[in-house]
């Protein structure tokens, strides 16, 4: 299964959990049914952040599922998760930190850093 199919399967599973027919989902997102079906089947990559946010709202996804959807969308497009691209683009300190970390930070370093940030108020 390729990354587009994995994204589509996740989106489809959440739609099925909410018992939303495919036609209703496509209409709520303001998209042709065939185009939406192509995304769920992995024949098309996920669309932009606006599309993802509409899907998240319609499906009433919790934080964990929302982040999973963003991550899978990024993988399917061979890009960073779309919720992070604007932040990275607009924050020079973030870009500098990522470039330094790319060659030096371990997964444990990142986990420690994330935990530290989560503790900030």
PDB file of N, CA and C in Angstrom:
ATOM      1  N   UNK A   1       0.856  -1.180   0.000  1.00  0.00           N
ATOM      2  CA  UNK A   1       0.000   0.000   0.000  1.00  0.00           C
ATOM      3  C   UNK A   1       0.897   1.236   0.000  1.00  0.00           C
ATOM      4  N   UNK A   2       0.667   2.166  -0.924  1.00  0.00           N
ATOM      5  CA  UNK A   2       1.487   3.380  -0.964  1.00  0.00           C
ATOM      6  C   UNK A   2       0.932   4.438  -0.003  1.00  0.00           C
ATOM      7  N   UNK A   3       1.705   5.511   0.172  1.00  0.00           N
ATOM      8  CA  UNK A   3       1.333   6.546   1.152  1.00  0.00           C
ATOM      9  C   UNK A   3      -0.001   7.211   0.837  1.00  0.00           C
ATOM     10  N   UNK A   4      -0.322   7.383  -0.452  1.00  0.00           N
ATOM     11  CA  UNK A   4      -1.612   7.982  -0.814  1.00  0.00           C
ATOM     12  C   UNK A   4      -2.753   7.056  -0.405  1.00  0.00           C
ATOM     13  N   UNK A   5      -2.546   5.740  -0.596  1.00  0.00           N
ATOM     14  CA  UNK A   5      -3.581   4.780  -0.216  1.00  0.00           C
ATOM     15  C   UNK A   5      -3.761   4.733   1.299  1.00  0.00           C
ATOM     16  N   UNK A   6      -2.655   4.855   2.035  1.00  0.00           N
ATOM     17  CA  UNK A   6      -2.738   4.843   3.494  1.00  0.00           C
ATOM     18  C   UNK A   6      -3.529   6.061   3.984  1.00  0.00           C
ATOM     19  N   UNK A   7      -3.218   7.238   3.407  1.00  0.00           N
ATOM     20  CA  UNK A   7      -3.968   8.443   3.756  1.00  0.00           C
ATOM     21  C   UNK A   7      -5.450   8.234   3.453  1.00  0.00           C
ATOM     22  N   UNK A   8      -5.747   7.774   2.234  1.00  0.00           N
ATOM     23  CA  UNK A   8      -7.131   7.572   1.818  1.00  0.00           C
ATOM     24  C   UNK A   8      -7.863   6.572   2.684  1.00  0.00           C
ATOM     25  N   UNK A   9      -7.185   5.487   3.052  1.00  0.00           N
ATOM     26  CA  UNK A   9      -7.804   4.467   3.897  1.00  0.00           C
ATOM     27  C   UNK A   9      -8.137   5.030   5.281  1.00  0.00           C
ATOM     28  N   UNK A  10      -7.240   5.857   5.818  1.00  0.00           N
ATOM     29  CA  UNK A  10      -7.503   6.470   7.119  1.00  0.00           C
ATOM     30  C   UNK A  10      -8.719   7.399   7.024  1.00  0.00           C
ATOM     31  N   UNK A  11      -8.744   8.229   5.995  1.00  0.00           N
ATOM     32  CA  UNK A  11      -9.859   9.157   5.801  1.00  0.00           C
ATOM     33  C   UNK A  11     -11.173   8.385   5.648  1.00  0.00           C
ATOM     34  N   UNK A  12     -11.137   7.344   4.845  1.00  0.00           N
ATOM     35  CA  UNK A  12     -12.334   6.526   4.617  1.00  0.00           C
ATOM     36  C   UNK A  12     -12.792   5.845   5.905  1.00  0.00           C
ATOM     37  N   UNK A  13     -11.850   5.337   6.692  1.00  0.00           N
ATOM     38  CA  UNK A  13     -12.236   4.657   7.936  1.00  0.00           C
ATOM     39  C   UNK A  13     -12.917   5.630   8.901  1.00  0.00           C
ATOM     40  N   UNK A  14     -12.422   6.863   8.966  1.00  0.00           N
ATOM     41  CA  UNK A  14     -13.043   7.855   9.857  1.00  0.00           C
ATOM     42  C   UNK A  14     -14.430   8.239   9.347  1.00  0.00           C
ATOM     43  N   UNK A  15     -14.581   8.324   8.027  1.00  0.00           N
ATOM     44  CA  UNK A  15     -15.896   8.629   7.452  1.00  0.00           C
ATOM     45  C   UNK A  15     -16.872   7.496   7.764  1.00  0.00           C
ATOM     46  N   UNK A  16     -16.406   6.254   7.638  1.00  0.00           N
ATOM     47  CA  UNK A  16     -17.271   5.105   7.945  1.00  0.00           C
ATOM     48  C   UNK A  16     -17.645   5.071   9.424  1.00  0.00           C
ATOM     49  N   UNK A  17     -16.674   5.363  10.299  1.00  0.00           N
ATOM     50  CA  UNK A  17     -16.962   5.392  11.744  1.00  0.00           C
ATOM     51  C   UNK A  17     -18.084   6.379  12.055  1.00  0.00           C
ATOM     52  N   UNK A  18     -18.111   7.495  11.329  1.00  0.00           N
ATOM     53  CA  UNK A  18     -19.135   8.534  11.570  1.00  0.00           C
ATOM     54  C   UNK A  18     -20.400   8.278  10.766  1.00  0.00           C
ATOM     55  N   UNK A  19     -20.376   7.195   9.971  1.00  0.00           N
ATOM     56  CA  UNK A  19     -21.520   6.809   9.134  1.00  0.00           C
ATOM     57  C   UNK A  19     -21.953   7.935   8.197  1.00  0.00           C
ATOM     58  N   UNK A  20     -20.980   8.546   7.571  1.00  0.00           N
ATOM     59  CA  UNK A  20     -21.247   9.607   6.598  1.00  0.00           C
ATOM     60  C   UNK A  20     -21.098   9.009   5.203  1.00  0.00           C
ATOM     61  N   UNK A  21     -22.150   9.024   4.392  1.00  0.00           N
ATOM     62  CA  UNK A  21     -22.039   8.506   3.032  1.00  0.00           C
ATOM     63  C   UNK A  21     -21.023   9.324   2.216  1.00  0.00           C
ATOM     64  N   UNK A  22     -20.393   8.663   1.268  1.00  0.00           N
ATOM     65  CA  UNK A  22     -19.352   9.316   0.483  1.00  0.00           C
ATOM     66  C   UNK A  22     -19.896  10.547  -0.247  1.00  0.00           C
ATOM     67  N   UNK A  23     -21.095  10.450  -0.767  1.00  0.00           N
ATOM     68  CA  UNK A  23     -21.691  11.589  -1.491  1.00  0.00           C
ATOM     69  C   UNK A  23     -21.892  12.779  -0.550  1.00  0.00           C
ATOM     70  N   UNK A  24     -22.360  12.521   0.656  1.00  0.00           N
ATOM     71  CA  UNK A  24     -22.573  13.600   1.636  1.00  0.00           C
ATOM     72  C   UNK A  24     -21.234  14.231   2.021  1.00  0.00           C
ATOM     73  N   UNK A  25     -20.213  13.400   2.201  1.00  0.00           N
ATOM     74  CA  UNK A  25     -18.888  13.926   2.552  1.00  0.00           C
ATOM     75  C   UNK A  25     -18.369  14.831   1.447  1.00  0.00           C
ATOM     76  N   UNK A  26     -18.458  14.373   0.221  1.00  0.00           N
ATOM     77  CA  UNK A  26     -17.977  15.169  -0.923  1.00  0.00           C
ATOM     78  C   UNK A  26     -18.739  16.492  -1.013  1.00  0.00           C
ATOM     79  N   UNK A  27     -20.040  16.450  -0.812  1.00  0.00           N
ATOM     80  CA  UNK A  27     -20.844  17.672  -0.877  1.00  0.00           C
ATOM     81  C   UNK A  27     -20.446  18.654   0.226  1.00  0.00           C
ATOM     82  N   UNK A  28     -20.237  18.128   1.435  1.00  0.00           N
ATOM     83  CA  UNK A  28     -19.867  19.003   2.554  1.00  0.00           C
ATOM     84  C   UNK A  28     -18.490  19.641   2.338  1.00  0.00           C
ATOM     85  N   UNK A  29     -17.607  18.921   1.666  1.00  0.00           N
ATOM     86  CA  UNK A  29     -16.276  19.467   1.384  1.00  0.00           C
ATOM     87  C   UNK A  29     -16.315  20.354   0.142  1.00  0.00           C
ATOM     88  N   UNK A  30     -17.440  20.302  -0.603  1.00  0.00           N
ATOM     89  CA  UNK A  30     -17.600  21.070  -1.840  1.00  0.00           C
ATOM     90  C   UNK A  30     -16.658  20.545  -2.922  1.00  0.00           C
ATOM     91  N   UNK A  31     -16.803  19.242  -3.183  1.00  0.00           N
ATOM     92  CA  UNK A  31     -15.937  18.564  -4.133  1.00  0.00           C
ATOM     93  C   UNK A  31     -16.777  17.552  -4.909  1.00  0.00           C
ATOM     94  N   UNK A  32     -16.405  17.305  -6.146  1.00  0.00           N
ATOM     95  CA  UNK A  32     -17.077  16.277  -6.933  1.00  0.00           C
ATOM     96  C   UNK A  32     -16.873  14.916  -6.266  1.00  0.00           C
ATOM     97  N   UNK A  33     -17.904  14.091  -6.296  1.00  0.00           N
ATOM     98  CA  UNK A  33     -17.847  12.783  -5.653  1.00  0.00           C
ATOM     99  C   UNK A  33     -16.698  11.950  -6.217  1.00  0.00           C
ATOM    100  N   UNK A  34     -16.531  11.954  -7.523  1.00  0.00           N
ATOM    101  CA  UNK A  34     -15.457  11.176  -8.143  1.00  0.00           C
ATOM    102  C   UNK A  34     -14.082  11.613  -7.673  1.00  0.00           C
ATOM    103  N   UNK A  35     -13.896  12.901  -7.557  1.00  0.00           N
ATOM    104  CA  UNK A  35     -12.609  13.437  -7.082  1.00  0.00           C
ATOM    105  C   UNK A  35     -12.361  13.000  -5.639  1.00  0.00           C
ATOM    106  N   UNK A  36     -13.391  13.101  -4.811  1.00  0.00           N
ATOM    107  CA  UNK A  36     -13.245  12.689  -3.420  1.00  0.00           C
ATOM    108  C   UNK A  36     -12.942  11.189  -3.337  1.00  0.00           C
ATOM    109  N   UNK A  37     -13.643  10.391  -4.112  1.00  0.00           N
ATOM    110  CA  UNK A  37     -13.402   8.938  -4.122  1.00  0.00           C
ATOM    111  C   UNK A  37     -11.971   8.625  -4.554  1.00  0.00           C
ATOM    112  N   UNK A  38     -11.451   9.397  -5.500  1.00  0.00           N
ATOM    113  CA  UNK A  38     -10.065   9.209  -5.933  1.00  0.00           C
ATOM    114  C   UNK A  38      -9.088   9.459  -4.788  1.00  0.00           C
ATOM    115  N   UNK A  39      -9.386  10.417  -3.939  1.00  0.00           N
ATOM    116  CA  UNK A  39      -8.523  10.698  -2.780  1.00  0.00           C
ATOM    117  C   UNK A  39      -8.595   9.531  -1.798  1.00  0.00           C
ATOM    118  N   UNK A  40      -9.800   9.077  -1.490  1.00  0.00           N
ATOM    119  CA  UNK A  40      -9.942   7.966  -0.547  1.00  0.00           C
ATOM    120  C   UNK A  40      -9.302   6.678  -1.074  1.00  0.00           C
ATOM    121  N   UNK A  41      -9.298   6.498  -2.374  1.00  0.00           N
ATOM    122  CA  UNK A  41      -8.746   5.257  -2.937  1.00  0.00           C
ATOM    123  C   UNK A  41      -7.248   5.359  -3.205  1.00  0.00           C
ATOM    124  N   UNK A  42      -6.682   6.548  -3.030  1.00  0.00           N
ATOM    125  CA  UNK A  42      -5.250   6.717  -3.238  1.00  0.00           C
ATOM    126  C   UNK A  42      -4.856   7.012  -4.671  1.00  0.00           C
ATOM    127  N   UNK A  43      -5.830   7.304  -5.527  1.00  0.00           N
ATOM    128  CA  UNK A  43      -5.509   7.659  -6.914  1.00  0.00           C
ATOM    129  C   UNK A  43      -5.100   9.125  -7.060  1.00  0.00           C
ATOM    130  N   UNK A  44      -5.433   9.923  -6.043  1.00  0.00           N
ATOM    131  CA  UNK A  44      -5.031  11.338  -6.002  1.00  0.00           C
ATOM    132  C   UNK A  44      -4.449  11.632  -4.635  1.00  0.00           C
ATOM    133  N   UNK A  45      -3.488  12.559  -4.594  1.00  0.00           N
ATOM    134  CA  UNK A  45      -2.929  12.919  -3.285  1.00  0.00           C
ATOM    135  C   UNK A  45      -3.910  13.793  -2.510  1.00  0.00           C
ATOM    136  N   UNK A  46      -3.707  13.886  -1.198  1.00  0.00           N
ATOM    137  CA  UNK A  46      -4.559  14.781  -0.413  1.00  0.00           C
ATOM    138  C   UNK A  46      -4.416  16.217  -0.902  1.00  0.00           C
ATOM    139  N   UNK A  47      -5.457  16.957  -0.731  1.00  0.00           N
ATOM    140  CA  UNK A  47      -5.426  18.352  -1.149  1.00  0.00           C
ATOM    141  C   UNK A  47      -4.775  19.205  -0.070  1.00  0.00           C
ATOM    142  N   UNK A  48      -5.003  20.472  -0.145  1.00  0.00           N
ATOM    143  CA  UNK A  48      -4.331  21.444   0.724  1.00  0.00           C
ATOM    144  C   UNK A  48      -4.877  21.431   2.149  1.00  0.00           C
ATOM    145  N   UNK A  49      -4.315  22.315   2.953  1.00  0.00           N
ATOM    146  CA  UNK A  49      -4.692  22.417   4.357  1.00  0.00           C
ATOM    147  C   UNK A  49      -6.175  22.762   4.518  1.00  0.00           C
ATOM    148  N   UNK A  50      -6.707  23.576   3.632  1.00  0.00           N
ATOM    149  CA  UNK A  50      -8.133  23.935   3.703  1.00  0.00           C
ATOM    150  C   UNK A  50      -9.002  22.681   3.577  1.00  0.00           C
ATOM    151  N   UNK A  51      -8.676  21.812   2.622  1.00  0.00           N
ATOM    152  CA  UNK A  51      -9.408  20.554   2.456  1.00  0.00           C
ATOM    153  C   UNK A  51      -9.312  19.715   3.729  1.00  0.00           C
ATOM    154  N   UNK A  52      -8.095  19.576   4.249  1.00  0.00           N
ATOM    155  CA  UNK A  52      -7.896  18.761   5.448  1.00  0.00           C
ATOM    156  C   UNK A  52      -8.691  19.317   6.625  1.00  0.00           C
ATOM    157  N   UNK A  53      -8.675  20.631   6.790  1.00  0.00           N
ATOM    158  CA  UNK A  53      -9.402  21.237   7.907  1.00  0.00           C
ATOM    159  C   UNK A  53     -10.913  21.062   7.769  1.00  0.00           C
ATOM    160  N   UNK A  54     -11.418  21.113   6.530  1.00  0.00           N
ATOM    161  CA  UNK A  54     -12.847  20.842   6.319  1.00  0.00           C
ATOM    162  C   UNK A  54     -13.169  19.404   6.705  1.00  0.00           C
ATOM    163  N   UNK A  55     -12.329  18.468   6.265  1.00  0.00           N
ATOM    164  CA  UNK A  55     -12.554  17.058   6.583  1.00  0.00           C
ATOM    165  C   UNK A  55     -12.504  16.834   8.095  1.00  0.00           C
ATOM    166  N   UNK A  56     -11.533  17.445   8.751  1.00  0.00           N
ATOM    167  CA  UNK A  56     -11.401  17.320  10.212  1.00  0.00           C
ATOM    168  C   UNK A  56     -12.659  17.825  10.910  1.00  0.00           C
ATOM    169  N   UNK A  57     -13.178  18.943  10.456  1.00  0.00           N
ATOM    170  CA  UNK A  57     -14.380  19.525  11.048  1.00  0.00           C
ATOM    171  C   UNK A  57     -15.598  18.629  10.807  1.00  0.00           C
ATOM    172  N   UNK A  58     -15.778  18.195   9.574  1.00  0.00           N
ATOM    173  CA  UNK A  58     -16.935  17.354   9.233  1.00  0.00           C
ATOM    174  C   UNK A  58     -16.890  16.038  10.008  1.00  0.00           C
ATOM    175  N   UNK A  59     -15.705  15.465  10.108  1.00  0.00           N
ATOM    176  CA  UNK A  59     -15.548  14.179  10.791  1.00  0.00           C
ATOM    177  C   UNK A  59     -15.437  14.329  12.311  1.00  0.00           C
ATOM    178  N   UNK A  60     -15.362  15.570  12.761  1.00  0.00           N
ATOM    179  CA  UNK A  60     -15.246  15.864  14.194  1.00  0.00           C
ATOM    180  C   UNK A  60     -14.101  15.059  14.827  1.00  0.00           C
ATOM    181  N   UNK A  61     -12.914  15.166  14.204  1.00  0.00           N
ATOM    182  CA  UNK A  61     -11.764  14.408  14.674  1.00  0.00           C
ATOM    183  C   UNK A  61     -11.174  15.012  15.933  1.00  0.00           C
ATOM    184  N   UNK A  62     -10.743  14.155  16.820  1.00  0.00           N
ATOM    185  CA  UNK A  62     -10.037  14.582  18.021  1.00  0.00           C
ATOM    186  C   UNK A  62      -8.598  14.939  17.665  1.00  0.00           C
ATOM    187  N   UNK A  63      -7.868  15.438  18.657  1.00  0.00           N
ATOM    188  CA  UNK A  63      -6.493  15.908  18.418  1.00  0.00           C
ATOM    189  C   UNK A  63      -5.586  14.837  17.836  1.00  0.00           C
ATOM    190  N   UNK A  64      -5.643  13.626  18.365  1.00  0.00           N
ATOM    191  CA  UNK A  64      -4.754  12.565  17.886  1.00  0.00           C
ATOM    192  C   UNK A  64      -5.049  12.209  16.423  1.00  0.00           C
ATOM    193  N   UNK A  65      -6.328  12.043  16.081  1.00  0.00           N
ATOM    194  CA  UNK A  65      -6.697  11.730  14.704  1.00  0.00           C
ATOM    195  C   UNK A  65      -6.382  12.885  13.761  1.00  0.00           C
ATOM    196  N   UNK A  66      -6.557  14.099  14.241  1.00  0.00           N
ATOM    197  CA  UNK A  66      -6.249  15.286  13.443  1.00  0.00           C
ATOM    198  C   UNK A  66      -4.760  15.310  13.088  1.00  0.00           C
ATOM    199  N   UNK A  67      -3.908  15.081  14.066  1.00  0.00           N
ATOM    200  CA  UNK A  67      -2.465  15.073  13.808  1.00  0.00           C
ATOM    201  C   UNK A  67      -2.072  13.905  12.906  1.00  0.00           C
ATOM    202  N   UNK A  68      -2.727  12.764  13.083  1.00  0.00           N
ATOM    203  CA  UNK A  68      -2.469  11.618  12.207  1.00  0.00           C
ATOM    204  C   UNK A  68      -2.832  11.967  10.775  1.00  0.00           C
ATOM    205  N   UNK A  69      -3.976  12.619  10.588  1.00  0.00           N
ATOM    206  CA  UNK A  69      -4.397  13.001   9.238  1.00  0.00           C
ATOM    207  C   UNK A  69      -3.377  13.948   8.601  1.00  0.00           C
ATOM    208  N   UNK A  70      -2.916  14.941   9.347  1.00  0.00           N
ATOM    209  CA  UNK A  70      -1.900  15.861   8.833  1.00  0.00           C
ATOM    210  C   UNK A  70      -0.614  15.107   8.461  1.00  0.00           C
ATOM    211  N   UNK A  71      -0.178  14.204   9.352  1.00  0.00           N
ATOM    212  CA  UNK A  71       1.061  13.459   9.095  1.00  0.00           C
ATOM    213  C   UNK A  71       0.931  12.569   7.864  1.00  0.00           C
ATOM    214  N   UNK A  72      -0.193  11.876   7.749  1.00  0.00           N
ATOM    215  CA  UNK A  72      -0.397  11.007   6.591  1.00  0.00           C
ATOM    216  C   UNK A  72      -0.499  11.819   5.295  1.00  0.00           C
ATOM    217  N   UNK A  73      -1.112  12.998   5.373  1.00  0.00           N
ATOM    218  CA  UNK A  73      -1.211  13.861   4.197  1.00  0.00           C
ATOM    219  C   UNK A  73       0.179  14.311   3.752  1.00  0.00           C
ATOM    220  N   UNK A  74       1.011  14.670   4.705  1.00  0.00           N
ATOM    221  CA  UNK A  74       2.379  15.056   4.370  1.00  0.00           C
ATOM    222  C   UNK A  74       3.137  13.921   3.710  1.00  0.00           C
ATOM    223  N   UNK A  75       3.035  12.727   4.278  1.00  0.00           N
ATOM    224  CA  UNK A  75       3.714  11.568   3.698  1.00  0.00           C
ATOM    225  C   UNK A  75       3.206  11.286   2.289  1.00  0.00           C
ATOM    226  N   UNK A  76       1.894  11.370   2.098  1.00  0.00           N
ATOM    227  CA  UNK A  76       1.302  11.090   0.791  1.00  0.00           C
ATOM    228  C   UNK A  76       1.767  12.085  -0.269  1.00  0.00           C
ATOM    229  N   UNK A  77       2.109  13.277   0.163  1.00  0.00           N
ATOM    230  CA  UNK A  77       2.587  14.307  -0.768  1.00  0.00           C
ATOM    231  C   UNK A  77       4.111  14.411  -0.769  1.00  0.00           C
ATOM    232  N   UNK A  78       4.776  13.538  -0.034  1.00  0.00           N
ATOM    233  CA  UNK A  78       6.245  13.578   0.111  1.00  0.00           C
ATOM    234  C   UNK A  78       6.697  14.963   0.578  1.00  0.00           C
ATOM    235  N   UNK A  79       6.026  15.442   1.603  1.00  0.00           N
ATOM    236  CA  UNK A  79       6.289  16.788   2.121  1.00  0.00           C
ATOM    237  C   UNK A  79       6.107  16.786   3.639  1.00  0.00           C
ATOM    238  N   UNK A  80       6.407  17.912   4.232  1.00  0.00           N
ATOM    239  CA  UNK A  80       6.150  18.088   5.656  1.00  0.00           C
ATOM    240  C   UNK A  80       4.639  18.095   5.875  1.00  0.00           C
ATOM    241  N   UNK A  81       4.188  17.719   7.053  1.00  0.00           N
ATOM    242  CA  UNK A  81       2.759  17.807   7.330  1.00  0.00           C
ATOM    243  C   UNK A  81       2.265  19.235   7.075  1.00  0.00           C
ATOM    244  N   UNK A  82       1.140  19.369   6.388  1.00  0.00           N
ATOM    245  CA  UNK A  82       0.697  20.704   5.967  1.00  0.00           C
ATOM    246  C   UNK A  82       0.389  21.669   7.100  1.00  0.00           C
ATOM    247  N   UNK A  83       0.144  21.179   8.302  1.00  0.00           N
ATOM    248  CA  UNK A  83      -0.104  22.088   9.416  1.00  0.00           C
ATOM    249  C   UNK A  83       1.192  22.723   9.914  1.00  0.00           C
ATOM    250  N   UNK A  84       2.340  22.186   9.496  1.00  0.00           N
ATOM    251  CA  UNK A  84       3.627  22.716   9.950  1.00  0.00           C
ATOM    252  C   UNK A  84       4.346  23.571   8.911  1.00  0.00           C
ATOM    253  N   UNK A  85       3.980  23.454   7.660  1.00  0.00           N
ATOM    254  CA  UNK A  85       4.749  24.135   6.613  1.00  0.00           C
ATOM    255  C   UNK A  85       4.756  25.655   6.767  1.00  0.00           C
ATOM    256  N   UNK A  86       3.620  26.249   7.077  1.00  0.00           N
ATOM    257  CA  UNK A  86       3.579  27.710   7.250  1.00  0.00           C
ATOM    258  C   UNK A  86       4.439  28.136   8.432  1.00  0.00           C
ATOM    259  N   UNK A  87       4.362  27.381   9.520  1.00  0.00           N
ATOM    260  CA  UNK A  87       5.156  27.708  10.704  1.00  0.00           C
ATOM    261  C   UNK A  87       6.647  27.660  10.377  1.00  0.00           C
ATOM    262  N   UNK A  88       7.061  26.595   9.715  1.00  0.00           N
ATOM    263  CA  UNK A  88       8.472  26.448   9.355  1.00  0.00           C
ATOM    264  C   UNK A  88       8.886  27.559   8.389  1.00  0.00           C
ATOM    265  N   UNK A  89       8.036  27.845   7.424  1.00  0.00           N
ATOM    266  CA  UNK A  89       8.332  28.882   6.430  1.00  0.00           C
ATOM    267  C   UNK A  89       8.470  30.255   7.077  1.00  0.00           C
ATOM    268  N   UNK A  90       7.643  30.536   8.077  1.00  0.00           N
ATOM    269  CA  UNK A  90       7.605  31.870   8.679  1.00  0.00           C
ATOM    270  C   UNK A  90       8.527  32.052   9.886  1.00  0.00           C
ATOM    271  N   UNK A  91       9.122  30.980  10.381  1.00  0.00           N
ATOM    272  CA  UNK A  91       9.933  31.078  11.590  1.00  0.00           C
ATOM    273  C   UNK A  91      11.392  30.741  11.305  1.00  0.00           C
ATOM    274  N   UNK A  92      12.202  31.776  11.220  1.00  0.00           N
ATOM    275  CA  UNK A  92      13.629  31.545  10.989  1.00  0.00           C
ATOM    276  C   UNK A  92      14.263  30.726  12.119  1.00  0.00           C
ATOM    277  N   UNK A  93      13.955  31.014  13.394  1.00  0.00           N
ATOM    278  CA  UNK A  93      14.535  30.186  14.460  1.00  0.00           C
ATOM    279  C   UNK A  93      14.170  28.707  14.328  1.00  0.00           C
ATOM    280  N   UNK A  94      12.941  28.424  13.897  1.00  0.00           N
ATOM    281  CA  UNK A  94      12.541  27.024  13.714  1.00  0.00           C
ATOM    282  C   UNK A  94      13.355  26.372  12.605  1.00  0.00           C
ATOM    283  N   UNK A  95      13.545  27.090  11.498  1.00  0.00           N
ATOM    284  CA  UNK A  95      14.346  26.550  10.389  1.00  0.00           C
ATOM    285  C   UNK A  95      15.784  26.298  10.822  1.00  0.00           C
ATOM    286  N   UNK A  96      16.355  27.239  11.563  1.00  0.00           N
ATOM    287  CA  UNK A  96      17.735  27.081  12.038  1.00  0.00           C
ATOM    288  C   UNK A  96      17.825  25.872  12.968  1.00  0.00           C
ATOM    289  N   UNK A  97      16.894  25.770  13.895  1.00  0.00           N
ATOM    290  CA  UNK A  97      16.900  24.654  14.848  1.00  0.00           C
ATOM    291  C   UNK A  97      16.743  23.311  14.137  1.00  0.00           C
ATOM    292  N   UNK A  98      15.867  23.260  13.156  1.00  0.00           N
ATOM    293  CA  UNK A  98      15.682  22.009  12.417  1.00  0.00           C
ATOM    294  C   UNK A  98      16.930  21.617  11.636  1.00  0.00           C
ATOM    295  N   UNK A  99      17.588  22.590  11.068  1.00  0.00           N
ATOM    296  CA  UNK A  99      18.824  22.285  10.321  1.00  0.00           C
ATOM    297  C   UNK A  99      19.919  21.785  11.247  1.00  0.00           C
ATOM    298  N   UNK A 100      20.040  22.369  12.417  1.00  0.00           N
ATOM    299  CA  UNK A 100      21.026  21.895  13.385  1.00  0.00           C
ATOM    300  C   UNK A 100      20.641  20.491  13.859  1.00  0.00           C
ATOM    301  N   UNK A 101      19.382  20.332  14.196  1.00  0.00           N
ATOM    302  CA  UNK A 101      18.908  19.057  14.733  1.00  0.00           C
ATOM    303  C   UNK A 101      18.998  17.930  13.708  1.00  0.00           C
ATOM    304  N   UNK A 102      18.848  18.267  12.450  1.00  0.00           N
ATOM    305  CA  UNK A 102      18.867  17.261  11.384  1.00  0.00           C
ATOM    306  C   UNK A 102      20.112  16.384  11.463  1.00  0.00           C
ATOM    307  N   UNK A 103      21.226  16.958  11.855  1.00  0.00           N
ATOM    308  CA  UNK A 103      22.479  16.219  11.901  1.00  0.00           C
ATOM    309  C   UNK A 103      22.905  15.816  13.310  1.00  0.00           C
ATOM    310  N   UNK A 104      22.228  16.331  14.326  1.00  0.00           N
ATOM    311  CA  UNK A 104      22.712  16.101  15.685  1.00  0.00           C
ATOM    312  C   UNK A 104      21.695  15.524  16.650  1.00  0.00           C
ATOM    313  N   UNK A 105      20.428  15.788  16.472  1.00  0.00           N
ATOM    314  CA  UNK A 105      19.425  15.397  17.472  1.00  0.00           C
ATOM    315  C   UNK A 105      18.995  13.942  17.295  1.00  0.00           C
ATOM    316  N   UNK A 106      18.907  13.247  18.412  1.00  0.00           N
ATOM    317  CA  UNK A 106      18.390  11.877  18.408  1.00  0.00           C
ATOM    318  C   UNK A 106      16.890  11.926  18.681  1.00  0.00           C
ATOM    319  N   UNK A 107      16.235  10.798  18.525  1.00  0.00           N
ATOM    320  CA  UNK A 107      14.809  10.729  18.854  1.00  0.00           C
ATOM    321  C   UNK A 107      14.589  11.051  20.332  1.00  0.00           C
ATOM    322  N   UNK A 108      15.527  10.632  21.167  1.00  0.00           N
ATOM    323  CA  UNK A 108      15.420  10.916  22.604  1.00  0.00           C
ATOM    324  C   UNK A 108      15.535  12.424  22.855  1.00  0.00           C
ATOM    325  N   UNK A 109      16.435  13.099  22.122  1.00  0.00           N
ATOM    326  CA  UNK A 109      16.557  14.551  22.254  1.00  0.00           C
ATOM    327  C   UNK A 109      15.231  15.228  21.909  1.00  0.00           C
ATOM    328  N   UNK A 110      14.615  14.814  20.807  1.00  0.00           N
ATOM    329  CA  UNK A 110      13.354  15.405  20.381  1.00  0.00           C
ATOM    330  C   UNK A 110      12.245  15.123  21.397  1.00  0.00           C
ATOM    331  N   UNK A 111      12.205  13.909  21.926  1.00  0.00           N
ATOM    332  CA  UNK A 111      11.177  13.566  22.912  1.00  0.00           C
ATOM    333  C   UNK A 111      11.336  14.427  24.163  1.00  0.00           C
ATOM    334  N   UNK A 112      12.572  14.611  24.603  1.00  0.00           N
ATOM    335  CA  UNK A 112      12.846  15.445  25.784  1.00  0.00           C
ATOM    336  C   UNK A 112      12.450  16.896  25.508  1.00  0.00           C
ATOM    337  N   UNK A 113      12.789  17.387  24.337  1.00  0.00           N
ATOM    338  CA  UNK A 113      12.460  18.767  23.952  1.00  0.00           C
ATOM    339  C   UNK A 113      10.933  18.963  23.908  1.00  0.00           C
ATOM    340  N   UNK A 114      10.230  18.020  23.311  1.00  0.00           N
ATOM    341  CA  UNK A 114       8.769  18.123  23.219  1.00  0.00           C
ATOM    342  C   UNK A 114       8.136  18.108  24.608  1.00  0.00           C
ATOM    343  N   UNK A 115       8.644  17.246  25.467  1.00  0.00           N
ATOM    344  CA  UNK A 115       8.105  17.164  26.840  1.00  0.00           C
ATOM    345  C   UNK A 115       8.336  18.477  27.579  1.00  0.00           C
ATOM    346  N   UNK A 116       9.506  19.069  27.375  1.00  0.00           N
ATOM    347  CA  UNK A 116       9.823  20.354  28.000  1.00  0.00           C
ATOM    348  C   UNK A 116       8.869  21.439  27.511  1.00  0.00           C
ATOM    349  N   UNK A 117       8.633  21.479  26.221  1.00  0.00           N
ATOM    350  CA  UNK A 117       7.719  22.480  25.670  1.00  0.00           C
ATOM    351  C   UNK A 117       6.282  22.271  26.157  1.00  0.00           C
ATOM    352  N   UNK A 118       5.871  21.031  26.262  1.00  0.00           N
ATOM    353  CA  UNK A 118       4.511  20.737  26.743  1.00  0.00           C
ATOM    354  C   UNK A 118       4.313  21.229  28.175  1.00  0.00           C
ATOM    355  N   UNK A 119       5.385  21.266  28.973  1.00  0.00           N
ATOM    356  CA  UNK A 119       5.299  21.711  30.351  1.00  0.00           C
ATOM    357  C   UNK A 119       5.243  23.224  30.504  1.00  0.00           C
ATOM    358  N   UNK A 120       5.513  23.951  29.404  1.00  0.00           N
ATOM    359  CA  UNK A 120       5.468  25.422  29.479  1.00  0.00           C
ATOM    360  C   UNK A 120       4.022  25.899  29.498  1.00  0.00           C
ATOM    361  N   UNK A 121       3.814  26.985  30.207  1.00  0.00           N
ATOM    362  CA  UNK A 121       2.469  27.578  30.237  1.00  0.00           C
ATOM    363  C   UNK A 121       2.467  28.936  29.631  1.00  0.00           C
TER     364      UNK A 121
END
